[in-house]
Amino acid sequence: MSGQDAGVGVSGQGAGVGVSGQEAGYLIVLKAELSGRGLESAIEVSGYSTRLGLDTPAVHVAPFDQNVVVAPCCDGTWWYWYPWAERIAPAHDVTEAADKVMDLFGSIDDDEDDGEPGAHDPAMAR
């Protein structure tokens, strides 16, 4: 199934170049899972880098940090990764991956924000 078949757009220069079917498939599945939880995202391609760009208006972080990638680990198993090279979850476990992404980037109620610097800051989770 292609991204077009799933109703998923792929944007960026070289869209479709350097994207494996397996890589795109994992990102499409995670995108759908996050969308069902209210976190919108888009699959973005630039050069040979493919990533899931997260729409995180409630979390103020650098654009680089608002991405998830999928790549094989040293043993060949595929994992979802944060861009700072931290593993999120095995790619076959989209529920765990979505849980962890939502924990870090999900909606933040105004009542929960204590106004402290670094509150709800993904950089503080590293």
PDB file of N, CA and C in Angstrom:
ATOM      1  N   MET A   1       0.846  -1.176   0.000  1.00  0.00           N
ATOM      2  CA  MET A   1       0.000   0.000   0.000  1.00  0.00           C
ATOM      3  C   MET A   1       0.885   1.230   0.000  1.00  0.00           C
ATOM      4  N   SER A   2       0.632   2.159  -0.896  1.00  0.00           N
ATOM      5  CA  SER A   2       1.423   3.386  -0.965  1.00  0.00           C
ATOM      6  C   SER A   2       0.816   4.435  -0.062  1.00  0.00           C
ATOM      7  N   GLY A   3       1.566   5.515   0.198  1.00  0.00           N
ATOM      8  CA  GLY A   3       1.050   6.627   0.993  1.00  0.00           C
ATOM      9  C   GLY A   3      -0.181   7.224   0.363  1.00  0.00           C
ATOM     10  N   GLN A   4      -0.231   7.259  -0.973  1.00  0.00           N
ATOM     11  CA  GLN A   4      -1.393   7.797  -1.658  1.00  0.00           C
ATOM     12  C   GLN A   4      -2.610   6.913  -1.416  1.00  0.00           C
ATOM     13  N   ASP A   5      -2.428   5.579  -1.416  1.00  0.00           N
ATOM     14  CA  ASP A   5      -3.538   4.669  -1.183  1.00  0.00           C
ATOM     15  C   ASP A   5      -4.131   4.858   0.204  1.00  0.00           C
ATOM     16  N   ALA A   6      -3.298   5.200   1.171  1.00  0.00           N
ATOM     17  CA  ALA A   6      -3.757   5.366   2.543  1.00  0.00           C
ATOM     18  C   ALA A   6      -4.258   6.781   2.804  1.00  0.00           C
ATOM     19  N   GLY A   7      -4.261   7.630   1.786  1.00  0.00           N
ATOM     20  CA  GLY A   7      -4.699   8.998   1.987  1.00  0.00           C
ATOM     21  C   GLY A   7      -3.677   9.817   2.754  1.00  0.00           C
ATOM     22  N   VAL A   8      -2.435   9.414   2.695  1.00  0.00           N
ATOM     23  CA  VAL A   8      -1.377  10.082   3.430  1.00  0.00           C
ATOM     24  C   VAL A   8      -0.477  10.795   2.447  1.00  0.00           C
ATOM     25  N   GLY A   9      -0.345  12.097   2.599  1.00  0.00           N
ATOM     26  CA  GLY A   9       0.534  12.855   1.720  1.00  0.00           C
ATOM     27  C   GLY A   9       1.975  12.763   2.171  1.00  0.00           C
ATOM     28  N   VAL A  10       2.857  12.838   1.222  1.00  0.00           N
ATOM     29  CA  VAL A  10       4.284  12.899   1.486  1.00  0.00           C
ATOM     30  C   VAL A  10       4.769  14.191   0.876  1.00  0.00           C
ATOM     31  N   SER A  11       5.428  15.019   1.677  1.00  0.00           N
ATOM     32  CA  SER A  11       5.854  16.318   1.174  1.00  0.00           C
ATOM     33  C   SER A  11       7.364  16.460   1.234  1.00  0.00           C
ATOM     34  N   GLY A  12       7.866  17.472   0.493  1.00  0.00           N
ATOM     35  CA  GLY A  12       9.282  17.798   0.556  1.00  0.00           C
ATOM     36  C   GLY A  12       9.978  17.530  -0.759  1.00  0.00           C
ATOM     37  N   GLN A  13      11.191  18.029  -0.838  1.00  0.00           N
ATOM     38  CA  GLN A  13      11.986  17.814  -2.037  1.00  0.00           C
ATOM     39  C   GLN A  13      12.335  16.346  -2.148  1.00  0.00           C
ATOM     40  N   GLY A  14      12.219  15.836  -3.329  1.00  0.00           N
ATOM     41  CA  GLY A  14      12.575  14.442  -3.546  1.00  0.00           C
ATOM     42  C   GLY A  14      11.590  13.480  -2.934  1.00  0.00           C
ATOM     43  N   ALA A  15      10.330  13.907  -2.761  1.00  0.00           N
ATOM     44  CA  ALA A  15       9.335  13.032  -2.157  1.00  0.00           C
ATOM     45  C   ALA A  15       9.338  11.688  -2.869  1.00  0.00           C
ATOM     46  N   GLY A  16       9.481  10.644  -2.100  1.00  0.00           N
ATOM     47  CA  GLY A  16       9.507   9.300  -2.647  1.00  0.00           C
ATOM     48  C   GLY A  16      10.908   8.816  -2.953  1.00  0.00           C
ATOM     49  N   VAL A  17      11.899   9.682  -2.965  1.00  0.00           N
ATOM     50  CA  VAL A  17      13.271   9.295  -3.254  1.00  0.00           C
ATOM     51  C   VAL A  17      13.932   8.862  -1.950  1.00  0.00           C
ATOM     52  N   GLY A  18      14.520   7.697  -1.951  1.00  0.00           N
ATOM     53  CA  GLY A  18      15.234   7.230  -0.773  1.00  0.00           C
ATOM     54  C   GLY A  18      14.325   6.726   0.337  1.00  0.00           C
ATOM     55  N   VAL A  19      13.048   6.504   0.041  1.00  0.00           N
ATOM     56  CA  VAL A  19      12.107   6.034   1.043  1.00  0.00           C
ATOM     57  C   VAL A  19      11.820   4.570   0.769  1.00  0.00           C
ATOM     58  N   SER A  20      12.137   3.707   1.736  1.00  0.00           N
ATOM     59  CA  SER A  20      11.829   2.291   1.544  1.00  0.00           C
ATOM     60  C   SER A  20      10.353   2.078   1.838  1.00  0.00           C
ATOM     61  N   GLY A  21       9.786   1.049   1.237  1.00  0.00           N
ATOM     62  CA  GLY A  21       8.389   0.712   1.496  1.00  0.00           C
ATOM     63  C   GLY A  21       8.161   0.402   2.959  1.00  0.00           C
ATOM     64  N   GLN A  22       9.110  -0.284   3.582  1.00  0.00           N
ATOM     65  CA  GLN A  22       8.983  -0.643   4.988  1.00  0.00           C
ATOM     66  C   GLN A  22       9.008   0.609   5.864  1.00  0.00           C
ATOM     67  N   GLU A  23       9.932   1.506   5.577  1.00  0.00           N
ATOM     68  CA  GLU A  23      10.055   2.752   6.339  1.00  0.00           C
ATOM     69  C   GLU A  23       8.771   3.565   6.223  1.00  0.00           C
ATOM     70  N   ALA A  24       8.297   3.766   5.007  1.00  0.00           N
ATOM     71  CA  ALA A  24       7.070   4.539   4.787  1.00  0.00           C
ATOM     72  C   ALA A  24       5.888   3.868   5.475  1.00  0.00           C
ATOM     73  N   GLY A  25       5.825   2.547   5.385  1.00  0.00           N
ATOM     74  CA  GLY A  25       4.718   1.815   6.011  1.00  0.00           C
ATOM     75  C   GLY A  25       4.655   2.035   7.510  1.00  0.00           C
ATOM     76  N   TYR A  26       5.799   1.947   8.179  1.00  0.00           N
ATOM     77  CA  TYR A  26       5.829   2.175   9.627  1.00  0.00           C
ATOM     78  C   TYR A  26       5.405   3.607   9.969  1.00  0.00           C
ATOM     79  N   LEU A  27       5.869   4.573   9.199  1.00  0.00           N
ATOM     80  CA  LEU A  27       5.505   5.975   9.473  1.00  0.00           C
ATOM     81  C   LEU A  27       4.024   6.225   9.225  1.00  0.00           C
ATOM     82  N   ILE A  28       3.465   5.603   8.183  1.00  0.00           N
ATOM     83  CA  ILE A  28       2.037   5.754   7.899  1.00  0.00           C
ATOM     84  C   ILE A  28       1.195   5.192   9.039  1.00  0.00           C
ATOM     85  N   VAL A  29       1.588   4.036   9.562  1.00  0.00           N
ATOM     86  CA  VAL A  29       0.848   3.415  10.660  1.00  0.00           C
ATOM     87  C   VAL A  29       0.910   4.291  11.918  1.00  0.00           C
ATOM     88  N   LEU A  30       2.096   4.815  12.243  1.00  0.00           N
ATOM     89  CA  LEU A  30       2.220   5.681  13.416  1.00  0.00           C
ATOM     90  C   LEU A  30       1.440   6.974  13.221  1.00  0.00           C
ATOM     91  N   LYS A  31       1.481   7.532  12.027  1.00  0.00           N
ATOM     92  CA  LYS A  31       0.728   8.752  11.723  1.00  0.00           C
ATOM     93  C   LYS A  31      -0.760   8.532  11.981  1.00  0.00           C
ATOM     94  N   ALA A  32      -1.290   7.415  11.520  1.00  0.00           N
ATOM     95  CA  ALA A  32      -2.709   7.106  11.720  1.00  0.00           C
ATOM     96  C   ALA A  32      -3.040   6.937  13.205  1.00  0.00           C
ATOM     97  N   GLU A  33      -2.164   6.257  13.933  1.00  0.00           N
ATOM     98  CA  GLU A  33      -2.390   6.047  15.370  1.00  0.00           C
ATOM     99  C   GLU A  33      -2.390   7.378  16.125  1.00  0.00           C
ATOM    100  N   LEU A  34      -1.435   8.240  15.814  1.00  0.00           N
ATOM    101  CA  LEU A  34      -1.364   9.544  16.488  1.00  0.00           C
ATOM    102  C   LEU A  34      -2.548  10.426  16.106  1.00  0.00           C
ATOM    103  N   SER A  35      -2.957  10.375  14.852  1.00  0.00           N
ATOM    104  CA  SER A  35      -4.113  11.152  14.405  1.00  0.00           C
ATOM    105  C   SER A  35      -5.366  10.745  15.179  1.00  0.00           C
ATOM    106  N   GLY A  36      -5.527   9.448  15.404  1.00  0.00           N
ATOM    107  CA  GLY A  36      -6.655   8.947  16.185  1.00  0.00           C
ATOM    108  C   GLY A  36      -6.640   9.428  17.625  1.00  0.00           C
ATOM    109  N   ARG A  37      -5.495   9.850  18.090  1.00  0.00           N
ATOM    110  CA  ARG A  37      -5.354  10.367  19.458  1.00  0.00           C
ATOM    111  C   ARG A  37      -5.348  11.892  19.489  1.00  0.00           C
ATOM    112  N   GLY A  38      -5.524  12.507  18.318  1.00  0.00           N
ATOM    113  CA  GLY A  38      -5.619  13.969  18.260  1.00  0.00           C
ATOM    114  C   GLY A  38      -4.319  14.697  17.971  1.00  0.00           C
ATOM    115  N   LEU A  39      -3.253  13.980  17.661  1.00  0.00           N
ATOM    116  CA  LEU A  39      -1.975  14.617  17.338  1.00  0.00           C
ATOM    117  C   LEU A  39      -1.738  14.484  15.841  1.00  0.00           C
ATOM    118  N   GLU A  40      -1.786  15.597  15.140  1.00  0.00           N
ATOM    119  CA  GLU A  40      -1.621  15.580  13.690  1.00  0.00           C
ATOM    120  C   GLU A  40      -0.141  15.586  13.322  1.00  0.00           C
ATOM    121  N   SER A  41       0.162  15.050  12.161  1.00  0.00           N
ATOM    122  CA  SER A  41       1.534  14.946  11.698  1.00  0.00           C
ATOM    123  C   SER A  41       1.535  14.821  10.183  1.00  0.00           C
ATOM    124  N   ALA A  42       2.731  14.912   9.607  1.00  0.00           N
ATOM    125  CA  ALA A  42       2.885  14.760   8.164  1.00  0.00           C
ATOM    126  C   ALA A  42       4.192  14.041   7.876  1.00  0.00           C
ATOM    127  N   ILE A  43       4.155  13.150   6.906  1.00  0.00           N
ATOM    128  CA  ILE A  43       5.374  12.473   6.485  1.00  0.00           C
ATOM    129  C   ILE A  43       6.129  13.422   5.574  1.00  0.00           C
ATOM    130  N   GLU A  44       7.385  13.683   5.923  1.00  0.00           N
ATOM    131  CA  GLU A  44       8.200  14.651   5.196  1.00  0.00           C
ATOM    132  C   GLU A  44       9.462  13.971   4.683  1.00  0.00           C
ATOM    133  N   VAL A  45       9.828  14.315   3.463  1.00  0.00           N
ATOM    134  CA  VAL A  45      11.021  13.762   2.837  1.00  0.00           C
ATOM    135  C   VAL A  45      11.876  14.911   2.346  1.00  0.00           C
ATOM    136  N   SER A  46      13.148  14.883   2.683  1.00  0.00           N
ATOM    137  CA  SER A  46      14.108  15.828   2.106  1.00  0.00           C
ATOM    138  C   SER A  46      15.397  15.059   1.904  1.00  0.00           C
ATOM    139  N   GLY A  47      15.801  14.964   0.661  1.00  0.00           N
ATOM    140  CA  GLY A  47      16.986  14.159   0.365  1.00  0.00           C
ATOM    141  C   GLY A  47      16.714  12.708   0.708  1.00  0.00           C
ATOM    142  N   TYR A  48      17.536  12.134   1.574  1.00  0.00           N
ATOM    143  CA  TYR A  48      17.349  10.743   1.965  1.00  0.00           C
ATOM    144  C   TYR A  48      16.754  10.612   3.359  1.00  0.00           C
ATOM    145  N   SER A  49      16.331  11.705   3.942  1.00  0.00           N
ATOM    146  CA  SER A  49      15.775  11.694   5.282  1.00  0.00           C
ATOM    147  C   SER A  49      14.252  11.710   5.216  1.00  0.00           C
ATOM    148  N   THR A  50      13.643  10.709   5.775  1.00  0.00           N
ATOM    149  CA  THR A  50      12.187  10.640   5.856  1.00  0.00           C
ATOM    150  C   THR A  50      11.816  10.658   7.328  1.00  0.00           C
ATOM    151  N   ARG A  51      10.815  11.455   7.654  1.00  0.00           N
ATOM    152  CA  ARG A  51      10.450  11.595   9.064  1.00  0.00           C
ATOM    153  C   ARG A  51       8.970  11.907   9.174  1.00  0.00           C
ATOM    154  N   LEU A  52       8.460  11.725  10.360  1.00  0.00           N
ATOM    155  CA  LEU A  52       7.096  12.099  10.684  1.00  0.00           C
ATOM    156  C   LEU A  52       7.188  13.406  11.460  1.00  0.00           C
ATOM    157  N   GLY A  53       6.802  14.499  10.818  1.00  0.00           N
ATOM    158  CA  GLY A  53       6.824  15.809  11.457  1.00  0.00           C
ATOM    159  C   GLY A  53       5.565  15.982  12.280  1.00  0.00           C
ATOM    160  N   LEU A  54       5.715  16.261  13.558  1.00  0.00           N
ATOM    161  CA  LEU A  54       4.584  16.378  14.474  1.00  0.00           C
ATOM    162  C   LEU A  54       4.105  17.815  14.566  1.00  0.00           C
ATOM    163  N   ASP A  55       2.796  17.993  14.595  1.00  0.00           N
ATOM    164  CA  ASP A  55       2.190  19.308  14.772  1.00  0.00           C
ATOM    165  C   ASP A  55       1.924  19.471  16.265  1.00  0.00           C
ATOM    166  N   THR A  56       2.855  20.154  16.947  1.00  0.00           N
ATOM    167  CA  THR A  56       2.796  20.247  18.410  1.00  0.00           C
ATOM    168  C   THR A  56       2.710  21.695  18.870  1.00  0.00           C
ATOM    169  N   PRO A  57       1.568  22.362  18.625  1.00  0.00           N
ATOM    170  CA  PRO A  57       1.468  23.776  18.988  1.00  0.00           C
ATOM    171  C   PRO A  57       1.548  24.040  20.489  1.00  0.00           C
ATOM    172  N   ALA A  58       1.189  23.066  21.308  1.00  0.00           N
ATOM    173  CA  ALA A  58       1.194  23.277  22.755  1.00  0.00           C
ATOM    174  C   ALA A  58       2.571  23.081  23.377  1.00  0.00           C
ATOM    175  N   VAL A  59       3.507  22.546  22.603  1.00  0.00           N
ATOM    176  CA  VAL A  59       4.859  22.292  23.102  1.00  0.00           C
ATOM    177  C   VAL A  59       5.814  23.167  22.313  1.00  0.00           C
ATOM    178  N   HIS A  60       6.549  23.989  23.004  1.00  0.00           N
ATOM    179  CA  HIS A  60       7.446  24.938  22.340  1.00  0.00           C
ATOM    180  C   HIS A  60       8.862  24.367  22.311  1.00  0.00           C
ATOM    181  N   VAL A  61       9.193  23.751  21.173  1.00  0.00           N
ATOM    182  CA  VAL A  61      10.520  23.168  20.981  1.00  0.00           C
ATOM    183  C   VAL A  61      10.999  23.501  19.577  1.00  0.00           C
ATOM    184  N   ALA A  62      12.258  23.291  19.349  1.00  0.00           N
ATOM    185  CA  ALA A  62      12.832  23.512  18.021  1.00  0.00           C
ATOM    186  C   ALA A  62      12.176  22.560  17.017  1.00  0.00           C
ATOM    187  N   PRO A  63      12.006  23.002  15.781  1.00  0.00           N
ATOM    188  CA  PRO A  63      11.395  22.137  14.767  1.00  0.00           C
ATOM    189  C   PRO A  63      12.086  20.780  14.631  1.00  0.00           C
ATOM    190  N   PHE A  64      13.394  20.743  14.792  1.00  0.00           N
ATOM    191  CA  PHE A  64      14.139  19.484  14.715  1.00  0.00           C
ATOM    192  C   PHE A  64      13.598  18.465  15.707  1.00  0.00           C
ATOM    193  N   ASP A  65      13.238  18.909  16.895  1.00  0.00           N
ATOM    194  CA  ASP A  65      12.779  18.004  17.949  1.00  0.00           C
ATOM    195  C   ASP A  65      11.364  17.497  17.726  1.00  0.00           C
ATOM    196  N   GLN A  66      10.629  18.073  16.788  1.00  0.00           N
ATOM    197  CA  GLN A  66       9.239  17.690  16.553  1.00  0.00           C
ATOM    198  C   GLN A  66       9.126  16.640  15.453  1.00  0.00           C
ATOM    199  N   ASN A  67      10.017  15.677  15.469  1.00  0.00           N
ATOM    200  CA  ASN A  67      10.045  14.639  14.447  1.00  0.00           C
ATOM    201  C   ASN A  67      10.202  13.262  15.067  1.00  0.00           C
ATOM    202  N   VAL A  68       9.730  12.269  14.341  1.00  0.00           N
ATOM    203  CA  VAL A  68       9.968  10.862  14.662  1.00  0.00           C
ATOM    204  C   VAL A  68      10.482  10.221  13.381  1.00  0.00           C
ATOM    205  N   VAL A  69      11.502   9.413  13.507  1.00  0.00           N
ATOM    206  CA  VAL A  69      12.015   8.668  12.363  1.00  0.00           C
ATOM    207  C   VAL A  69      11.898   7.180  12.678  1.00  0.00           C
ATOM    208  N   VAL A  70      12.046   6.366  11.647  1.00  0.00           N
ATOM    209  CA  VAL A  70      12.063   4.915  11.837  1.00  0.00           C
ATOM    210  C   VAL A  70      13.278   4.384  11.094  1.00  0.00           C
ATOM    211  N   ALA A  71      14.019   3.533  11.777  1.00  0.00           N
ATOM    212  CA  ALA A  71      15.248   2.990  11.181  1.00  0.00           C
ATOM    213  C   ALA A  71      15.603   1.699  11.905  1.00  0.00           C
ATOM    214  N   PRO A  72      16.390   0.862  11.225  1.00  0.00           N
ATOM    215  CA  PRO A  72      16.816  -0.373  11.880  1.00  0.00           C
ATOM    216  C   PRO A  72      17.855  -0.089  12.963  1.00  0.00           C
ATOM    217  N   CYS A  73      17.795  -0.886  13.999  1.00  0.00           N
ATOM    218  CA  CYS A  73      18.774  -0.824  15.085  1.00  0.00           C
ATOM    219  C   CYS A  73      19.955  -1.718  14.694  1.00  0.00           C
ATOM    220  N   CYS A  74      20.939  -1.786  15.567  1.00  0.00           N
ATOM    221  CA  CYS A  74      22.155  -2.546  15.271  1.00  0.00           C
ATOM    222  C   CYS A  74      21.881  -4.029  15.016  1.00  0.00           C
ATOM    223  N   ASP A  75      20.812  -4.576  15.575  1.00  0.00           N
ATOM    224  CA  ASP A  75      20.505  -5.995  15.367  1.00  0.00           C
ATOM    225  C   ASP A  75      19.565  -6.223  14.185  1.00  0.00           C
ATOM    226  N   GLY A  76      19.220  -5.131  13.468  1.00  0.00           N
ATOM    227  CA  GLY A  76      18.384  -5.253  12.282  1.00  0.00           C
ATOM    228  C   GLY A  76      16.901  -5.045  12.521  1.00  0.00           C
ATOM    229  N   THR A  77      16.472  -4.988  13.788  1.00  0.00           N
ATOM    230  CA  THR A  77      15.053  -4.743  14.067  1.00  0.00           C
ATOM    231  C   THR A  77      14.757  -3.261  13.872  1.00  0.00           C
ATOM    232  N   TRP A  78      13.566  -2.968  13.363  1.00  0.00           N
ATOM    233  CA  TRP A  78      13.170  -1.585  13.116  1.00  0.00           C
ATOM    234  C   TRP A  78      12.603  -0.965  14.379  1.00  0.00           C
ATOM    235  N   TRP A  79      12.992   0.288  14.621  1.00  0.00           N
ATOM    236  CA  TRP A  79      12.542   1.051  15.789  1.00  0.00           C
ATOM    237  C   TRP A  79      12.106   2.441  15.356  1.00  0.00           C
ATOM    238  N   TYR A  80      11.180   3.001  16.132  1.00  0.00           N
ATOM    239  CA  TYR A  80      10.895   4.434  16.033  1.00  0.00           C
ATOM    240  C   TYR A  80      11.922   5.137  16.908  1.00  0.00           C
ATOM    241  N   TRP A  81      12.410   6.290  16.435  1.00  0.00           N
ATOM    242  CA  TRP A  81      13.455   7.046  17.131  1.00  0.00           C
ATOM    243  C   TRP A  81      13.079   8.520  17.204  1.00  0.00           C
ATOM    244  N   TYR A  82      13.486   9.177  18.290  1.00  0.00           N
ATOM    245  CA  TYR A  82      13.474  10.637  18.327  1.00  0.00           C
ATOM    246  C   TYR A  82      14.708  11.110  17.561  1.00  0.00           C
ATOM    247  N   PRO A  83      14.705  12.340  17.072  1.00  0.00           N
ATOM    248  CA  PRO A  83      15.844  12.801  16.273  1.00  0.00           C
ATOM    249  C   PRO A  83      17.144  12.927  17.062  1.00  0.00           C
ATOM    250  N   TRP A  84      17.070  12.905  18.373  1.00  0.00           N
ATOM    251  CA  TRP A  84      18.296  12.986  19.176  1.00  0.00           C
ATOM    252  C   TRP A  84      18.830  11.579  19.468  1.00  0.00           C
ATOM    253  N   ALA A  85      18.465  10.608  18.615  1.00  0.00           N
ATOM    254  CA  ALA A  85      18.973   9.232  18.647  1.00  0.00           C
ATOM    255  C   ALA A  85      18.564   8.458  19.892  1.00  0.00           C
ATOM    256  N   GLU A  86      17.368   8.715  20.378  1.00  0.00           N
ATOM    257  CA  GLU A  86      16.802   7.941  21.487  1.00  0.00           C
ATOM    258  C   GLU A  86      15.707   7.046  20.921  1.00  0.00           C
ATOM    259  N   ARG A  87      15.801   5.754  21.221  1.00  0.00           N
ATOM    260  CA  ARG A  87      14.777   4.823  20.750  1.00  0.00           C
ATOM    261  C   ARG A  87      13.464   5.088  21.477  1.00  0.00           C
ATOM    262  N   ILE A  88      12.373   4.993  20.719  1.00  0.00           N
ATOM    263  CA  ILE A  88      11.035   5.181  21.287  1.00  0.00           C
ATOM    264  C   ILE A  88      10.418   3.825  21.587  1.00  0.00           C
ATOM    265  N   ALA A  89      10.273   3.006  20.541  1.00  0.00           N
ATOM    266  CA  ALA A  89       9.665   1.680  20.682  1.00  0.00           C
ATOM    267  C   ALA A  89       9.952   0.892  19.412  1.00  0.00           C
ATOM    268  N   PRO A  90       9.872  -0.441  19.510  1.00  0.00           N
ATOM    269  CA  PRO A  90      10.021  -1.237  18.291  1.00  0.00           C
ATOM    270  C   PRO A  90       8.935  -0.848  17.284  1.00  0.00           C
ATOM    271  N   ALA A  91       9.273  -0.844  16.013  1.00  0.00           N
ATOM    272  CA  ALA A  91       8.331  -0.405  14.990  1.00  0.00           C
ATOM    273  C   ALA A  91       7.106  -1.305  14.900  1.00  0.00           C
ATOM    274  N   HIS A  92       7.209  -2.549  15.332  1.00  0.00           N
ATOM    275  CA  HIS A  92       6.039  -3.433  15.296  1.00  0.00           C
ATOM    276  C   HIS A  92       5.059  -3.120  16.428  1.00  0.00           C
ATOM    277  N   ASP A  93       5.453  -2.275  17.385  1.00  0.00           N
ATOM    278  CA  ASP A  93       4.585  -1.938  18.519  1.00  0.00           C
ATOM    279  C   ASP A  93       4.156  -0.478  18.431  1.00  0.00           C
ATOM    280  N   VAL A  94       3.262  -0.190  17.489  1.00  0.00           N
ATOM    281  CA  VAL A  94       2.827   1.189  17.248  1.00  0.00           C
ATOM    282  C   VAL A  94       2.086   1.766  18.460  1.00  0.00           C
ATOM    283  N   THR A  95       1.405   0.948  19.233  1.00  0.00           N
ATOM    284  CA  THR A  95       0.693   1.446  20.418  1.00  0.00           C
ATOM    285  C   THR A  95       1.681   2.001  21.436  1.00  0.00           C
ATOM    286  N   GLU A  96       2.748   1.262  21.717  1.00  0.00           N
ATOM    287  CA  GLU A  96       3.768   1.738  22.655  1.00  0.00           C
ATOM    288  C   GLU A  96       4.428   3.015  22.139  1.00  0.00           C
ATOM    289  N   ALA A  97       4.730   3.034  20.843  1.00  0.00           N
ATOM    290  CA  ALA A  97       5.355   4.224  20.254  1.00  0.00           C
ATOM    291  C   ALA A  97       4.437   5.428  20.390  1.00  0.00           C
ATOM    292  N   ALA A  98       3.165   5.263  20.064  1.00  0.00           N
ATOM    293  CA  ALA A  98       2.212   6.372  20.163  1.00  0.00           C
ATOM    294  C   ALA A  98       2.048   6.824  21.617  1.00  0.00           C
ATOM    295  N   ASP A  99       2.012   5.879  22.552  1.00  0.00           N
ATOM    296  CA  ASP A  99       1.919   6.242  23.972  1.00  0.00           C
ATOM    297  C   ASP A  99       3.077   7.145  24.377  1.00  0.00           C
ATOM    298  N   LYS A 100       4.287   6.759  23.990  1.00  0.00           N
ATOM    299  CA  LYS A 100       5.466   7.532  24.379  1.00  0.00           C
ATOM    300  C   LYS A 100       5.513   8.892  23.689  1.00  0.00           C
ATOM    301  N   VAL A 101       5.136   8.945  22.415  1.00  0.00           N
ATOM    302  CA  VAL A 101       5.102  10.228  21.710  1.00  0.00           C
ATOM    303  C   VAL A 101       4.050  11.136  22.349  1.00  0.00           C
ATOM    304  N   MET A 102       2.893  10.578  22.683  1.00  0.00           N
ATOM    305  CA  MET A 102       1.837  11.388  23.316  1.00  0.00           C
ATOM    306  C   MET A 102       2.273  11.861  24.703  1.00  0.00           C
ATOM    307  N   ASP A 103       2.988  11.021  25.436  1.00  0.00           N
ATOM    308  CA  ASP A 103       3.495  11.442  26.749  1.00  0.00           C
ATOM    309  C   ASP A 103       4.382  12.672  26.617  1.00  0.00           C
ATOM    310  N   LEU A 104       5.161  12.726  25.545  1.00  0.00           N
ATOM    311  CA  LEU A 104       6.107  13.816  25.368  1.00  0.00           C
ATOM    312  C   LEU A 104       5.514  15.006  24.633  1.00  0.00           C
ATOM    313  N   PHE A 105       4.689  14.745  23.621  1.00  0.00           N
ATOM    314  CA  PHE A 105       4.216  15.822  22.750  1.00  0.00           C
ATOM    315  C   PHE A 105       2.713  16.024  22.742  1.00  0.00           C
ATOM    316  N   GLY A 106       1.968  15.212  23.443  1.00  0.00           N
ATOM    317  CA  GLY A 106       0.512  15.284  23.383  1.00  0.00           C
ATOM    318  C   GLY A 106      -0.031  16.595  23.920  1.00  0.00           C
ATOM    319  N   SER A 107      -1.327  16.736  23.827  1.00  0.00           N
ATOM    320  CA  SER A 107      -1.988  17.965  24.272  1.00  0.00           C
ATOM    321  C   SER A 107      -1.682  18.237  25.731  1.00  0.00           C
ATOM    322  N   ILE A 108      -1.528  19.509  26.006  1.00  0.00           N
ATOM    323  CA  ILE A 108      -1.263  19.953  27.369  1.00  0.00           C
ATOM    324  C   ILE A 108      -2.416  20.842  27.802  1.00  0.00           C
ATOM    325  N   ASP A 109      -3.099  20.449  28.890  1.00  0.00           N
ATOM    326  CA  ASP A 109      -4.157  21.289  29.425  1.00  0.00           C
ATOM    327  C   ASP A 109      -3.537  22.491  30.107  1.00  0.00           C
ATOM    328  N   ASP A 110      -4.172  23.659  29.969  1.00  0.00           N
ATOM    329  CA  ASP A 110      -3.654  24.862  30.614  1.00  0.00           C
ATOM    330  C   ASP A 110      -3.534  24.681  32.113  1.00  0.00           C
ATOM    331  N   ASP A 111      -4.423  23.874  32.711  1.00  0.00           N
ATOM    332  CA  ASP A 111      -4.389  23.654  34.149  1.00  0.00           C
ATOM    333  C   ASP A 111      -3.137  22.904  34.577  1.00  0.00           C
ATOM    334  N   GLU A 112      -2.581  22.094  33.672  1.00  0.00           N
ATOM    335  CA  GLU A 112      -1.408  21.302  34.022  1.00  0.00           C
ATOM    336  C   GLU A 112      -0.109  22.067  33.882  1.00  0.00           C
ATOM    337  N   ASP A 113      -0.093  23.121  33.089  1.00  0.00           N
ATOM    338  CA  ASP A 113       1.128  23.877  32.850  1.00  0.00           C
ATOM    339  C   ASP A 113       1.412  24.755  34.055  1.00  0.00           C
ATOM    340  N   ASP A 114       2.502  24.478  34.741  1.00  0.00           N
ATOM    341  CA  ASP A 114       2.822  25.237  35.946  1.00  0.00           C
ATOM    342  C   ASP A 114       3.605  26.506  35.647  1.00  0.00           C
ATOM    343  N   GLY A 115       3.850  26.769  34.366  1.00  0.00           N
ATOM    344  CA  GLY A 115       4.540  27.990  33.985  1.00  0.00           C
ATOM    345  C   GLY A 115       6.024  27.978  34.248  1.00  0.00           C
ATOM    346  N   GLU A 116       6.543  26.897  34.777  1.00  0.00           N
ATOM    347  CA  GLU A 116       7.977  26.821  35.059  1.00  0.00           C
ATOM    348  C   GLU A 116       8.755  26.663  33.762  1.00  0.00           C
ATOM    349  N   PRO A 117       9.920  27.301  33.667  1.00  0.00           N
ATOM    350  CA  PRO A 117      10.744  27.084  32.469  1.00  0.00           C
ATOM    351  C   PRO A 117      11.052  25.605  32.320  1.00  0.00           C
ATOM    352  N   GLY A 118      10.914  25.126  31.095  1.00  0.00           N
ATOM    353  CA  GLY A 118      11.191  23.722  30.832  1.00  0.00           C
ATOM    354  C   GLY A 118      10.021  22.803  31.082  1.00  0.00           C
ATOM    355  N   ALA A 119       8.898  23.325  31.608  1.00  0.00           N
ATOM    356  CA  ALA A 119       7.728  22.483  31.829  1.00  0.00           C
ATOM    357  C   ALA A 119       7.262  21.958  30.489  1.00  0.00           C
ATOM    358  N   HIS A 120       7.033  20.652  30.409  1.00  0.00           N
ATOM    359  CA  HIS A 120       6.577  20.003  29.194  1.00  0.00           C
ATOM    360  C   HIS A 120       7.557  20.201  28.046  1.00  0.00           C
ATOM    361  N   ASP A 121       8.815  20.225  28.330  1.00  0.00           N
ATOM    362  CA  ASP A 121       9.860  20.462  27.329  1.00  0.00           C
ATOM    363  C   ASP A 121      10.516  19.124  26.986  1.00  0.00           C
ATOM    364  N   PRO A 122      10.374  18.662  25.732  1.00  0.00           N
ATOM    365  CA  PRO A 122      11.007  17.406  25.352  1.00  0.00           C
ATOM    366  C   PRO A 122      12.508  17.368  25.624  1.00  0.00           C
ATOM    367  N   ALA A 123      13.165  18.508  25.540  1.00  0.00           N
ATOM    368  CA  ALA A 123      14.602  18.536  25.814  1.00  0.00           C
ATOM    369  C   ALA A 123      14.892  18.143  27.259  1.00  0.00           C
ATOM    370  N   MET A 124      13.961  18.403  28.159  1.00  0.00           N
ATOM    371  CA  MET A 124      14.151  18.056  29.559  1.00  0.00           C
ATOM    372  C   MET A 124      13.995  16.548  29.791  1.00  0.00           C
ATOM    373  N   ALA A 125      13.362  15.852  28.832  1.00  0.00           N
ATOM    374  CA  ALA A 125      13.161  14.418  28.960  1.00  0.00           C
ATOM    375  C   ALA A 125      14.395  13.620  28.580  1.00  0.00           C
ATOM    376  N   ARG A 126      15.363  14.261  27.963  1.00  0.00           N
ATOM    377  CA  ARG A 126      16.561  13.547  27.495  1.00  0.00           C
ATOM    378  C   ARG A 126      17.481  13.202  28.611  1.00  0.00           C
TER     379      ARG A 126
END
